Amino acid sequence: MRITLGVMEVADEIPFVSPIAKIYDQSQRVEGEGALSLSNCTYKTLAFCSKTKKMASSPLNQKSNFHARSNSLPSRPHPLVAQINEHLCRLKSNKSASSSSLSMARNLSCLTDLYKLVDNLLQLPITQKSLAQRCNDEQVNKLLNGSLKLLDVCGEAKGALLQAKEDTKQLQSILRRRRGDEAGFTNEAKQYLASRKKAKKLINKSLKACKFSFAQLENDGEATFSMLRELGGVTFTVFESLFSYICGTKMESKSTNWSLVSKLMSSKHVTCEGEAMYTNEFEKLDAVLCALIGNKTRKSGKMSIDDAQLELQKLESSIQGLEDAVECLLRLLIKTRVSVLNILSH
């Protein structure tokens, strides 16, 4: 019985002394009937250990672990992400819209706001960390090559608008100096249309050279990369629409030109809302000049050189607004590319 009491005393001190070691030490001195007492004590000791283990794993003792896991839950998306997605959807929905000065101005303005939002997003530490982890990613390198193509396209658009503005001013100046000289006007109008035709070919050639498919980049689901990929795609689409607006209709089609002139004459006395249905100033001027050269409207007296002068003024105003928008967009394109390069290099 003395051995049993000794073992019980050991069991009371289990939190401080290894129960297995104590039991082993006692078993070396126990013989005969003492073995039964030792066996009984061993059962009590193991039961105590099991109870202690259950207490340690109880929900109350895991309270701190529960709070640690809850802190790791994903947070809400940043408000900038929602605004960026809204602008992307707006530009995509305008993809098939008819090319006009009003629609082009809206698209360029929306694209400018989008790049400003993206620039703010790139300043966030979480965005920089996510992008920096892909500094050696092949898809990111292709994305950077695409951004260079966008800079080329933007430069071509700026050059095309500048050339169109110079041609417009030159034709206006000639019309003012040679008022009443129909023969001189006809020659200058032909030169203007020839310059327009040449500009169209250069635009189409440049656009093909700068062609880059952002949609072909593999999308692995990473948020920052996906956003930049979509940004590049909608930017290229907007510039394609701008080039389409500058090129206007094909001047080789005489029936098309006459149809455009008919629309102009039928809308000369309608409201501004009615005129807004047909607002591509490049197409208007091309149609008026072709019609005047062909003497189709001068016979009826419904179209004159004054009409051409009016369309030139409208076109010059539209070009100036688009030129300013493209210049602003070019600076933002450069800024975004520099920001991405800086993030990847750190």
Protein backbone atom coordinates (compact mmCIF):
# COMPACT_ATOMS: atom_id res chain seq x y z
CA MET A 1 0.00 0.00 0.00
CA ARG A 2 2.91 2.30 0.59
CA ILE A 3 3.90 1.89 -3.01
CA THR A 4 0.37 2.77 -4.12
CA LEU A 5 0.32 5.93 -2.04
CA GLY A 6 3.70 6.89 -3.44
CA VAL A 7 2.42 6.49 -6.94
CA MET A 8 -0.69 8.51 -6.13
CA GLU A 9 1.48 11.31 -4.85
CA VAL A 10 3.35 11.22 -8.11
CA ALA A 11 0.07 11.38 -10.02
CA ASP A 12 -0.85 14.58 -8.19
CA GLU A 13 2.36 16.14 -9.45
CA ILE A 14 1.85 15.17 -13.09
CA PRO A 15 1.83 18.75 -14.45
CA PHE A 16 5.45 19.11 -13.29
CA VAL A 17 6.92 15.56 -13.58
CA SER A 18 6.70 13.16 -16.51
CA PRO A 19 4.18 10.47 -15.54
CA ILE A 20 5.68 7.90 -17.86
CA ALA A 21 9.14 8.25 -16.30
CA LYS A 22 7.77 7.96 -12.75
CA ILE A 23 5.73 4.89 -13.57
CA TYR A 24 8.76 3.22 -15.12
CA ASP A 25 10.87 3.94 -12.01
CA GLN A 26 8.26 2.45 -9.67
CA SER A 27 7.79 -0.64 -11.81
CA GLN A 28 11.44 -1.60 -11.25
CA ARG A 29 10.85 -2.03 -7.48
CA VAL A 30 7.38 -3.56 -7.48
CA GLU A 31 6.97 -7.31 -7.07
CA GLY A 32 4.00 -9.70 -6.60
CA GLU A 33 0.90 -8.01 -5.32
CA GLY A 34 2.41 -4.54 -5.80
CA ALA A 35 2.10 -4.97 -9.53
CA LEU A 36 -1.68 -4.86 -9.27
CA SER A 37 -1.59 -1.56 -7.39
CA LEU A 38 0.83 -0.17 -9.92
CA SER A 39 -1.43 -1.22 -12.76
CA ASN A 40 -4.38 0.49 -11.08
CA CYS A 41 -2.37 3.67 -10.58
CA THR A 42 -1.18 3.61 -14.16
CA TYR A 43 -4.79 3.57 -15.33
CA LYS A 44 -5.57 6.62 -13.19
CA THR A 45 -2.50 8.43 -14.45
CA LEU A 46 -3.38 7.84 -18.10
CA ALA A 47 -6.95 8.92 -17.43
CA PHE A 48 -5.64 12.18 -15.94
CA CYS A 49 -3.44 12.78 -18.99
CA SER A 50 -6.39 12.18 -21.31
CA LYS A 51 -8.52 14.63 -19.35
CA THR A 52 -5.75 17.24 -19.47
CA LYS A 53 -5.45 16.80 -23.25
CA LYS A 54 -9.19 17.26 -23.74
CA MET A 55 -9.13 20.45 -21.70
CA ALA A 56 -6.28 21.82 -23.81
CA SER A 57 -8.21 21.18 -27.03
CA SER A 58 -11.49 22.65 -25.82
CA PRO A 59 -13.08 25.50 -27.85
CA LEU A 60 -12.49 27.97 -25.04
CA ASN A 61 -8.74 27.39 -25.14
CA GLN A 62 -8.75 27.87 -28.94
CA LYS A 63 -10.25 31.34 -28.78
CA SER A 64 -7.05 33.12 -29.73
CA ASN A 65 -6.48 30.83 -32.71
CA PHE A 66 -9.99 31.57 -33.98
CA HIS A 67 -9.36 35.30 -34.00
CA ALA A 68 -6.03 34.83 -35.82
CA ARG A 69 -7.75 32.99 -38.65
CA SER A 70 -10.52 35.57 -38.98
CA ASN A 71 -7.96 38.34 -39.45
CA SER A 72 -6.62 36.58 -42.55
CA LEU A 73 -9.93 36.70 -44.43
CA PRO A 74 -9.82 38.67 -47.75
CA SER A 75 -10.82 42.30 -47.48
CA ARG A 76 -13.24 44.17 -49.74
CA PRO A 77 -12.05 45.21 -53.23
CA HIS A 78 -10.62 48.71 -53.40
CA PRO A 79 -13.09 51.35 -54.69
CA LEU A 80 -10.69 52.12 -57.55
CA VAL A 81 -11.23 48.61 -58.94
CA ALA A 82 -14.97 49.17 -59.28
CA GLN A 83 -14.41 52.51 -61.02
CA ILE A 84 -11.89 50.97 -63.43
CA ASN A 85 -14.27 48.14 -64.32
CA GLU A 86 -17.04 50.68 -64.92
CA HIS A 87 -14.90 52.65 -67.38
CA LEU A 88 -13.77 49.46 -69.14
CA CYS A 89 -17.37 48.33 -69.61
CA ARG A 90 -18.36 51.76 -70.90
CA LEU A 91 -15.61 51.77 -73.53
CA LYS A 92 -16.37 48.20 -74.59
CA SER A 93 -20.05 49.05 -75.05
CA ASN A 94 -19.08 51.95 -77.34
CA LYS A 95 -16.90 49.71 -79.50
CA SER A 96 -19.51 49.33 -82.23
CA ALA A 97 -20.79 52.90 -82.00
CA SER A 98 -20.80 54.97 -85.19
CA SER A 99 -17.71 57.10 -85.63
CA SER A 100 -18.46 60.79 -85.02
CA SER A 101 -16.77 63.78 -83.45
CA LEU A 102 -19.07 63.56 -80.43
CA SER A 103 -18.55 59.84 -79.83
CA MET A 104 -14.79 60.14 -80.34
CA ALA A 105 -14.54 63.00 -77.86
CA ARG A 106 -16.47 60.99 -75.28
CA ASN A 107 -14.36 57.87 -75.78
CA LEU A 108 -11.09 59.76 -75.51
CA SER A 109 -12.31 61.53 -72.37
CA CYS A 110 -13.40 58.23 -70.81
CA LEU A 111 -10.07 56.62 -71.72
CA THR A 112 -8.18 59.54 -70.18
CA ASP A 113 -10.11 59.16 -66.92
CA LEU A 114 -9.45 55.42 -66.99
CA TYR A 115 -5.67 55.90 -67.20
CA LYS A 116 -5.79 58.32 -64.28
CA LEU A 117 -7.61 55.70 -62.19
CA VAL A 118 -5.10 53.02 -63.19
CA ASP A 119 -2.23 55.29 -62.23
CA ASN A 120 -3.76 55.74 -58.77
CA LEU A 121 -4.20 51.98 -58.46
CA LEU A 122 -0.54 51.38 -59.34
CA GLN A 123 0.48 53.55 -56.38
CA LEU A 124 -1.12 51.15 -53.88
CA PRO A 125 1.39 48.90 -52.04
CA ILE A 126 -0.73 45.78 -52.55
CA THR A 127 -0.81 46.38 -56.31
CA GLN A 128 2.92 46.99 -56.48
CA LYS A 129 3.63 43.82 -54.48
CA SER A 130 1.42 41.74 -56.75
CA LEU A 131 3.04 43.10 -59.92
CA ALA A 132 6.61 42.97 -58.59
CA GLN A 133 6.32 39.21 -58.11
CA ARG A 134 6.05 38.85 -61.89
CA CYS A 135 9.15 40.81 -62.85
CA ASN A 136 10.52 37.89 -64.90
CA ASP A 137 7.17 36.75 -66.31
CA GLU A 138 7.12 36.29 -70.09
CA GLN A 139 3.52 37.48 -70.35
CA VAL A 140 4.36 40.71 -68.52
CA ASN A 141 7.23 41.32 -70.96
CA LYS A 142 4.80 40.87 -73.85
CA LEU A 143 2.45 43.30 -72.16
CA LEU A 144 5.24 45.88 -72.02
CA ASN A 145 5.91 45.34 -75.72
CA GLY A 146 2.23 46.00 -76.32
CA SER A 147 2.47 49.27 -74.42
CA LEU A 148 5.22 50.36 -76.82
CA LYS A 149 2.90 49.61 -79.74
CA LEU A 150 0.25 51.79 -78.11
CA LEU A 151 2.72 54.66 -77.88
CA ASP A 152 3.43 54.25 -81.60
CA VAL A 153 -0.28 54.21 -82.43
CA CYS A 154 -0.91 57.29 -80.29
CA GLY A 155 1.95 59.09 -82.03
CA GLU A 156 0.51 58.18 -85.44
CA ALA A 157 -2.90 59.50 -84.39
CA LYS A 158 -1.37 62.75 -83.21
CA GLY A 159 0.51 63.13 -86.50
CA ALA A 160 -2.59 62.38 -88.58
CA LEU A 161 -4.63 65.00 -86.75
CA LEU A 162 -1.85 67.56 -87.08
CA GLN A 163 -1.59 66.96 -90.82
CA ALA A 164 -5.36 67.20 -91.22
CA LYS A 165 -5.41 70.49 -89.34
CA GLU A 166 -2.68 71.96 -91.54
CA ASP A 167 -4.48 70.87 -94.73
CA THR A 168 -7.72 72.35 -93.45
CA LYS A 169 -6.14 75.70 -92.60
CA GLN A 170 -4.42 75.84 -95.97
CA LEU A 171 -7.65 75.20 -97.85
CA GLN A 172 -9.47 77.83 -95.77
CA SER A 173 -6.78 80.37 -96.57
CA ILE A 174 -7.03 79.64 -100.28
CA LEU A 175 -10.82 79.97 -100.23
CA ARG A 176 -10.56 83.40 -98.61
CA ARG A 177 -7.96 84.65 -101.09
CA ARG A 178 -9.68 83.27 -104.19
CA ARG A 179 -13.31 83.94 -103.41
CA GLY A 180 -15.22 83.79 -106.68
CA ASP A 181 -12.44 81.95 -108.51
CA GLU A 182 -14.18 78.64 -109.15
CA ALA A 183 -11.39 77.25 -111.32
CA GLY A 184 -8.80 77.95 -108.65
CA PHE A 185 -11.05 76.49 -105.98
CA THR A 186 -11.53 73.29 -107.98
CA ASN A 187 -7.78 72.75 -108.29
CA GLU A 188 -7.19 73.32 -104.57
CA ALA A 189 -10.08 71.06 -103.64
CA LYS A 190 -8.63 68.28 -105.78
CA GLN A 191 -5.25 68.70 -104.09
CA TYR A 192 -6.90 68.51 -100.67
CA LEU A 193 -8.76 65.32 -101.58
CA ALA A 194 -5.58 63.80 -103.01
CA SER A 195 -3.78 64.59 -99.76
CA ARG A 196 -6.63 62.98 -97.83
CA LYS A 197 -6.39 59.85 -99.93
CA LYS A 198 -2.65 59.63 -99.32
CA ALA A 199 -3.17 60.15 -95.59
CA LYS A 200 -5.66 57.28 -95.48
CA LYS A 201 -3.14 54.88 -96.99
CA LEU A 202 -0.46 55.96 -94.52
CA ILE A 203 -2.87 55.56 -91.61
CA ASN A 204 -3.87 52.04 -92.65
CA LYS A 205 -0.24 51.07 -93.17
CA SER A 206 0.83 52.44 -89.80
CA LEU A 207 -2.10 50.79 -88.04
CA LYS A 208 -1.16 47.38 -89.43
CA ALA A 209 2.48 47.87 -88.41
CA CYS A 210 1.46 48.75 -84.86
CA LYS A 211 -1.12 45.97 -84.60
CA PHE A 212 -0.90 44.09 -81.32
CA SER A 213 -3.44 41.66 -79.91
CA PHE A 214 -3.73 42.08 -76.16
CA ALA A 215 -6.45 39.42 -76.19
CA GLN A 216 -3.84 36.79 -77.14
CA LEU A 217 -1.95 37.33 -73.90
CA GLU A 218 -2.56 34.43 -71.52
CA ASN A 219 -4.85 35.46 -68.68
CA ASP A 220 -3.90 33.56 -65.53
CA GLY A 221 -6.51 35.32 -63.39
CA GLU A 222 -4.08 37.59 -61.52
CA ALA A 223 -5.99 40.85 -60.97
CA THR A 224 -3.33 43.47 -61.79
CA PHE A 225 -2.14 41.73 -64.96
CA SER A 226 -5.72 41.15 -66.14
CA MET A 227 -6.54 44.82 -65.61
CA LEU A 228 -3.51 46.01 -67.61
CA ARG A 229 -4.32 43.50 -70.34
CA GLU A 230 -7.88 44.80 -70.72
CA LEU A 231 -6.64 48.39 -70.55
CA GLY A 232 -4.33 47.81 -73.52
CA GLY A 233 -7.12 46.16 -75.51
CA VAL A 234 -9.65 48.97 -75.12
CA THR A 235 -6.96 51.60 -75.78
CA PHE A 236 -6.10 50.05 -79.13
CA THR A 237 -9.81 49.82 -79.98
CA VAL A 238 -10.35 53.52 -79.26
CA PHE A 239 -7.44 54.46 -81.53
CA GLU A 240 -8.83 52.24 -84.29
CA SER A 241 -12.12 54.15 -84.02
CA LEU A 242 -10.23 57.44 -84.17
CA PHE A 243 -8.41 56.41 -87.35
CA SER A 244 -11.72 55.30 -88.85
CA TYR A 245 -13.16 58.71 -88.03
CA ILE A 246 -10.21 60.50 -89.66
CA CYS A 247 -10.35 58.38 -92.81
CA GLY A 248 -14.08 58.91 -93.31
CA THR A 249 -15.73 57.31 -96.35
CA LYS A 250 -14.02 55.99 -99.47
CA MET A 251 -13.78 58.88 -101.90
CA GLU A 252 -13.73 56.52 -104.89
CA SER A 253 -17.46 55.90 -104.48
CA LYS A 254 -19.26 58.79 -106.25
CA SER A 255 -22.69 57.45 -105.36
CA THR A 256 -21.72 57.43 -101.71
CA ASN A 257 -20.57 61.05 -101.91
CA TRP A 258 -23.83 62.12 -103.50
CA SER A 259 -25.75 60.29 -100.78
CA LEU A 260 -23.81 62.20 -98.13
CA VAL A 261 -24.50 65.50 -99.87
CA SER A 262 -28.20 64.68 -99.93
CA LYS A 263 -28.11 64.12 -96.20
CA LEU A 264 -26.37 67.45 -95.73
CA MET A 265 -28.92 69.37 -97.78
CA SER A 266 -31.87 67.72 -96.06
CA SER A 267 -30.46 68.56 -92.63
CA LYS A 268 -29.45 72.19 -93.24
CA HIS A 269 -32.60 73.53 -91.58
CA VAL A 270 -33.16 70.96 -88.84
CA THR A 271 -32.44 71.31 -85.15
CA CYS A 272 -29.13 70.58 -83.48
CA GLU A 273 -30.51 67.23 -82.28
CA GLY A 274 -31.18 66.23 -85.86
CA GLU A 275 -27.73 67.31 -87.03
CA ALA A 276 -26.13 65.27 -84.25
CA MET A 277 -27.19 62.13 -86.14
CA TYR A 278 -24.49 62.85 -88.72
CA THR A 279 -21.46 64.51 -87.23
CA ASN A 280 -18.33 63.17 -88.92
CA GLU A 281 -16.86 66.43 -90.17
CA PHE A 282 -14.24 64.67 -92.30
CA GLU A 283 -16.96 62.84 -94.23
CA LYS A 284 -19.02 66.00 -94.59
CA LEU A 285 -16.19 68.03 -96.08
CA ASP A 286 -15.11 65.23 -98.42
CA ALA A 287 -18.67 64.92 -99.70
CA VAL A 288 -19.11 68.67 -100.20
CA LEU A 289 -15.81 69.05 -102.08
CA CYS A 290 -16.45 66.05 -104.32
CA ALA A 291 -19.92 67.34 -105.12
CA LEU A 292 -18.67 70.85 -105.93
CA ILE A 293 -15.92 69.48 -108.17
CA GLY A 294 -18.47 67.37 -110.03
CA ASN A 295 -20.86 70.35 -110.48
CA LYS A 296 -23.70 68.24 -109.11
CA THR A 297 -25.04 70.74 -106.65
CA ARG A 298 -23.99 74.06 -108.16
CA LYS A 299 -26.54 73.56 -110.95
CA SER A 300 -29.37 73.47 -108.44
CA GLY A 301 -27.88 76.30 -106.38
CA LYS A 302 -28.31 74.42 -103.12
CA MET A 303 -24.60 73.94 -102.36
CA SER A 304 -21.87 76.56 -102.71
CA ILE A 305 -18.30 77.34 -101.77
CA ASP A 306 -19.69 79.01 -98.66
CA ASP A 307 -20.94 75.59 -97.56
CA ALA A 308 -17.44 74.20 -97.96
CA GLN A 309 -16.06 77.11 -95.92
CA LEU A 310 -18.55 76.36 -93.14
CA GLU A 311 -17.63 72.67 -93.07
CA LEU A 312 -13.93 73.57 -92.94
CA GLN A 313 -14.52 75.69 -89.85
CA LYS A 314 -16.42 72.87 -88.14
CA LEU A 315 -13.73 70.37 -89.03
CA GLU A 316 -10.94 72.59 -87.71
CA SER A 317 -12.74 72.97 -84.40
CA SER A 318 -13.25 69.21 -84.07
CA ILE A 319 -9.64 68.45 -84.95
CA GLN A 320 -8.34 70.85 -82.32
CA GLY A 321 -10.40 69.21 -79.58
CA LEU A 322 -9.30 65.71 -80.58
CA GLU A 323 -5.67 66.78 -80.89
CA ASP A 324 -5.68 68.12 -77.32
CA ALA A 325 -7.26 64.90 -76.04
CA VAL A 326 -4.70 62.69 -77.82
CA GLU A 327 -1.82 64.81 -76.50
CA CYS A 328 -3.10 64.37 -72.93
CA LEU A 329 -3.57 60.65 -73.50
CA LEU A 330 -0.04 60.28 -74.84
CA ARG A 331 1.40 61.70 -71.60
CA LEU A 332 -0.72 59.28 -69.56
CA LEU A 333 0.40 56.31 -71.66
CA ILE A 334 4.03 57.21 -70.99
CA LYS A 335 3.35 57.71 -67.27
CA THR A 336 1.64 54.33 -66.93
CA ARG A 337 4.44 52.50 -68.72
CA VAL A 338 7.08 54.18 -66.54
CA SER A 339 5.14 53.28 -63.38
CA VAL A 340 4.95 49.61 -64.37
CA LEU A 341 8.67 49.50 -65.25
CA ASN A 342 9.59 51.08 -61.91
CA ILE A 343 7.51 48.53 -60.01
CA LEU A 344 9.08 45.61 -61.87
CA SER A 345 12.62 46.91 -61.33
CA HIS A 346 12.32 47.15 -57.53
